[in-house]
Amino acid sequence: MHKYTAEELVPHSGRMSLLDEVISVGEEQLKAKLRVRDDGIFSRNGRVPAYVGIEYMAQSIAAFSGYHAKERGEEVRLGFLLGTRKFLSNVESYRCGEELTIEVSRLLQAENGMATFECSIIGSSIEQSARLNVYQPDNVEQYLRVKN
């Protein structure tokens, strides 16, 4: 799937842009790949903590949302991770250089911008899963505005 790059779909940049490639996208799911980077902000001594998998999952959800926005002729918008449930991991950390495949499937989408995704990460001897709750407001600036 090379219609859009991961950078075009996820509103992150620099060292926080973690996905390498979007492999496939459907109406309710997305599959992406990445190589665990040693130059990122999460790496220490050639390893990245397994809980960073939640960010990999969240960026895959952002890519899913960004893809569908672009297909509708809309701009890619920011979203927010509200929470994670049922995070399971058979490893404590990833080895830098390891290739991971992330799959996200939308379970629920509310009209107010809240959604729930079932997510998994697979790598060599790596199995992780979680359910992520996310929110994408119509107007991010208004949502973030602090009232005095």
Protein backbone atom coordinates (compact mmCIF):
# COMPACT_ATOMS: atom_id res chain seq x y z
CA MET A 1 0.00 0.00 0.00
CA HIS A 2 1.89 3.02 -1.20
CA LYS A 3 -0.87 5.54 -1.82
CA TYR A 4 0.28 7.61 1.17
CA THR A 5 3.40 7.48 3.29
CA ALA A 6 3.09 7.00 7.03
CA GLU A 7 4.38 10.57 7.47
CA GLU A 8 1.47 11.89 5.37
CA LEU A 9 -1.08 10.08 7.55
CA VAL A 10 0.21 10.64 11.09
CA PRO A 11 0.47 14.20 12.46
CA HIS A 12 3.84 13.54 14.15
CA SER A 13 7.28 14.54 12.97
CA GLY A 14 10.94 13.97 13.66
CA ARG A 15 11.84 11.37 16.24
CA MET A 16 8.20 11.01 17.30
CA SER A 17 7.19 9.69 13.86
CA LEU A 18 7.54 5.97 14.57
CA LEU A 19 5.78 4.07 11.75
CA ASP A 20 7.82 3.13 8.69
CA GLU A 21 5.10 1.92 6.35
CA VAL A 22 1.36 1.41 6.09
CA ILE A 23 0.89 -2.02 4.52
CA SER A 24 -2.88 -2.15 4.10
CA VAL A 25 -6.02 -0.25 5.03
CA GLY A 26 -9.65 -1.31 5.01
CA GLU A 27 -12.93 0.16 6.18
CA GLU A 28 -12.32 -0.98 9.76
CA GLN A 29 -8.63 -1.97 9.98
CA LEU A 30 -5.07 -1.00 9.22
CA LYS A 31 -1.78 -2.88 9.18
CA ALA A 32 1.56 -1.08 9.53
CA LYS A 33 5.23 -1.95 9.96
CA LEU A 34 8.16 -0.41 11.75
CA ARG A 35 11.70 -1.20 12.70
CA VAL A 36 12.43 -0.42 16.34
CA ARG A 37 14.77 2.53 16.20
CA ASP A 38 17.91 3.05 18.23
CA ASP A 39 17.93 6.79 17.49
CA GLY A 40 14.52 7.46 19.00
CA ILE A 41 13.69 9.07 22.30
CA PHE A 42 12.63 5.73 23.81
CA SER A 43 15.77 3.65 23.21
CA ARG A 44 18.25 2.85 25.97
CA ASN A 45 21.18 0.49 25.57
CA GLY A 46 19.83 -1.04 22.38
CA ARG A 47 16.36 -1.71 23.79
CA VAL A 48 12.96 0.02 23.83
CA PRO A 49 10.46 -0.70 26.66
CA ALA A 50 7.50 -2.86 25.61
CA TYR A 51 5.02 -0.26 26.85
CA VAL A 52 6.07 1.93 23.90
CA GLY A 53 3.95 -0.53 21.93
CA ILE A 54 0.95 1.51 23.09
CA GLU A 55 2.38 4.48 21.16
CA TYR A 56 3.00 2.27 18.12
CA MET A 57 -0.65 1.20 18.32
CA ALA A 58 -1.85 4.80 18.78
CA GLN A 59 0.15 5.98 15.75
CA SER A 60 -1.33 3.14 13.70
CA ILE A 61 -4.81 4.35 14.73
CA ALA A 62 -3.77 7.86 13.70
CA ALA A 63 -2.68 6.48 10.31
CA PHE A 64 -6.08 4.76 9.96
CA SER A 65 -7.86 8.03 10.70
CA GLY A 66 -5.50 10.02 8.47
CA TYR A 67 -6.02 7.65 5.56
CA HIS A 68 -9.80 7.88 5.74
CA ALA A 69 -9.65 11.68 6.12
CA LYS A 70 -7.50 11.97 2.99
CA GLU A 71 -9.85 9.68 1.08
CA ARG A 72 -12.72 12.04 1.97
CA GLY A 73 -10.64 15.02 0.81
CA GLU A 74 -10.13 16.28 4.36
CA GLU A 75 -7.01 17.29 6.28
CA VAL A 76 -5.30 14.91 8.69
CA ARG A 77 -6.30 15.94 12.22
CA LEU A 78 -4.86 15.41 15.68
CA GLY A 79 -6.39 12.83 17.96
CA PHE A 80 -5.90 11.90 21.59
CA LEU A 81 -5.29 8.61 23.37
CA LEU A 82 -7.81 8.47 26.20
CA GLY A 83 -6.89 5.15 27.68
CA THR A 84 -5.63 1.64 27.27
CA ARG A 85 -7.25 -1.53 28.52
CA LYS A 86 -6.14 -5.15 28.55
CA PHE A 87 -2.52 -4.45 27.57
CA LEU A 88 -0.81 -7.84 27.34
CA SER A 89 2.82 -8.38 26.39
CA ASN A 90 5.03 -11.43 26.42
CA VAL A 91 8.18 -9.25 26.47
CA GLU A 92 9.51 -6.45 28.67
CA SER A 93 11.34 -4.68 25.85
CA TYR A 94 12.06 -4.73 22.13
CA ARG A 95 15.53 -5.12 20.67
CA CYS A 96 16.47 -2.15 18.47
CA GLY A 97 16.39 -3.24 14.84
CA GLU A 98 13.50 -5.65 15.44
CA GLU A 99 10.75 -5.47 12.82
CA LEU A 100 7.20 -5.22 14.16
CA THR A 101 3.81 -5.49 12.46
CA ILE A 102 0.98 -3.53 14.05
CA GLU A 103 -2.67 -4.27 13.34
CA VAL A 104 -5.57 -2.10 14.51
CA SER A 105 -9.27 -2.83 14.07
CA ARG A 106 -12.01 -0.34 14.86
CA LEU A 107 -14.62 -1.83 17.17
CA LEU A 108 -16.72 1.24 17.87
CA GLN A 109 -17.01 4.76 16.46
CA ALA A 110 -19.26 7.33 18.15
CA GLU A 111 -20.54 10.46 16.41
CA ASN A 112 -18.76 12.66 18.97
CA GLY A 113 -15.31 11.51 17.80
CA MET A 114 -14.65 8.80 20.38
CA ALA A 115 -13.61 5.36 19.14
CA THR A 116 -12.32 2.03 20.42
CA PHE A 117 -9.75 -0.10 18.60
CA GLU A 118 -8.50 -3.63 19.17
CA CYS A 119 -4.74 -3.64 18.53
CA SER A 120 -1.92 -6.14 18.23
CA ILE A 121 1.82 -6.14 17.63
CA ILE A 122 3.66 -9.14 16.26
CA GLY A 123 7.40 -9.58 15.90
CA SER A 124 9.95 -12.35 16.23
CA SER A 125 8.86 -13.99 19.52
CA ILE A 126 6.79 -10.87 20.33
CA GLU A 127 3.06 -10.86 20.95
CA GLN A 128 1.23 -7.83 22.34
CA SER A 129 -2.38 -6.78 22.41
CA ALA A 130 -4.47 -3.97 23.85
CA ARG A 131 -7.72 -2.11 23.44
CA LEU A 132 -7.26 1.64 22.95
CA ASN A 133 -9.86 4.35 23.42
CA VAL A 134 -9.22 7.46 21.35
CA TYR A 135 -10.85 10.82 20.74
CA GLN A 136 -10.65 13.05 17.69
CA PRO A 137 -12.49 16.35 18.22
CA ASP A 138 -13.87 18.28 15.25
CA ASN A 139 -12.01 21.40 16.38
CA VAL A 140 -8.71 20.63 18.11
CA GLU A 141 -7.87 24.27 18.82
CA GLN A 142 -11.18 24.80 20.60
CA TYR A 143 -10.76 21.52 22.50
CA LEU A 144 -7.29 22.50 23.71
CA ARG A 145 -8.14 26.09 24.56
CA VAL A 146 -7.75 26.76 28.26
CA LYS A 147 -10.53 28.78 29.82
CA ASN A 148 -9.63 31.31 32.49
